[in-house]
């Protein structure tokens, strides 16, 4: 495929996509929803500004271009939400990652990543096909694979953010539990100690405590806010911590010793995880040792013995100036 043919294929594809979008979004080809039909009659009832509504906020960094393509983007996100039944699970993962994004914003980012990856993959595939290095069918497959990789890459980035935040929370929990036990032992109530921790601490767990305090000030009970935090984080030590707080609040049981024991359990678990990681690293270090360093050591030890000395005549004795001679092993035998 020549460069001219490649550019012609790319231009024809872009033209076809543009014509298809134009035809699909024509008023005659687009079905009007019920909300769009009743919106003009209800517009006078809503006195708020339409510029300040959350549904007019941009979910991509393209501004005006997003507003033009908003109907197509909304339909694509609706189709993706229909195919993916884990909307609630995605909301929990976003909360575990500490992100304030909504599901629609995350899906928009996925579509954006997939589009950028597909565009880059298409450019590289067309360049390779134009140079004759890649067959056209393989170039199309590579472009589609690049788009799928971009779509899945956003999922992997979210999973990585969730794992990192869970590790930070587990690392911060022992110190926070000790501070909480110290505040409770000094006479603070559970709510007061939680507010003191949220106000004087920083980190992922402190942010969760701040959210709990904000929910309690907004009218939610402390028990409900703590249980919501345990469900949102889904971490076993935090769940035990919340259960201890709930029991102490509802029954008035001592809490300081329980919190110190929980903090010590988390420290012991961190030590066990560290020992397990060290054991895995030790096994991993055996691979270059056995397959890299040990064969070279054996080769250095065996190779000199396998080589015949340079200048040693085969089958004839070597005469030295003093009159002595040295026979080869073959003559000696």
Foldseek 3Di string as FASTA:
>chain_A
DALVVLVVVVVVVVVVVVVVVVVCPDPVNDDDDPCNVCVVVCVVVDPDDPVPDPVPDDLDPPPPVCVVCVVVLVVVLVVVCVVDVPQVVVVLLCVLLVHPDHPSSLVVQLQVQLVVQLVVLLVVLSVCVNVVNDPVVVSVVSSNVSSVCSNVVSVVVSVVSNVVQLVQCLVCLLVLLLQLLVCVVVPDANLRSLVVQLVPDDGSVSVLSVVLNVVVVVPDDSLVSLVVSCVSNVDVLSVVVSVLSVCCVVPVDRRNVVSNVSSVVSVVVVVVVVVVVVVVVVVVVVVCVVPPVVVVVVCVVCVVVVDDDPPDDPPDWAADPVGDIHDDPVVVD
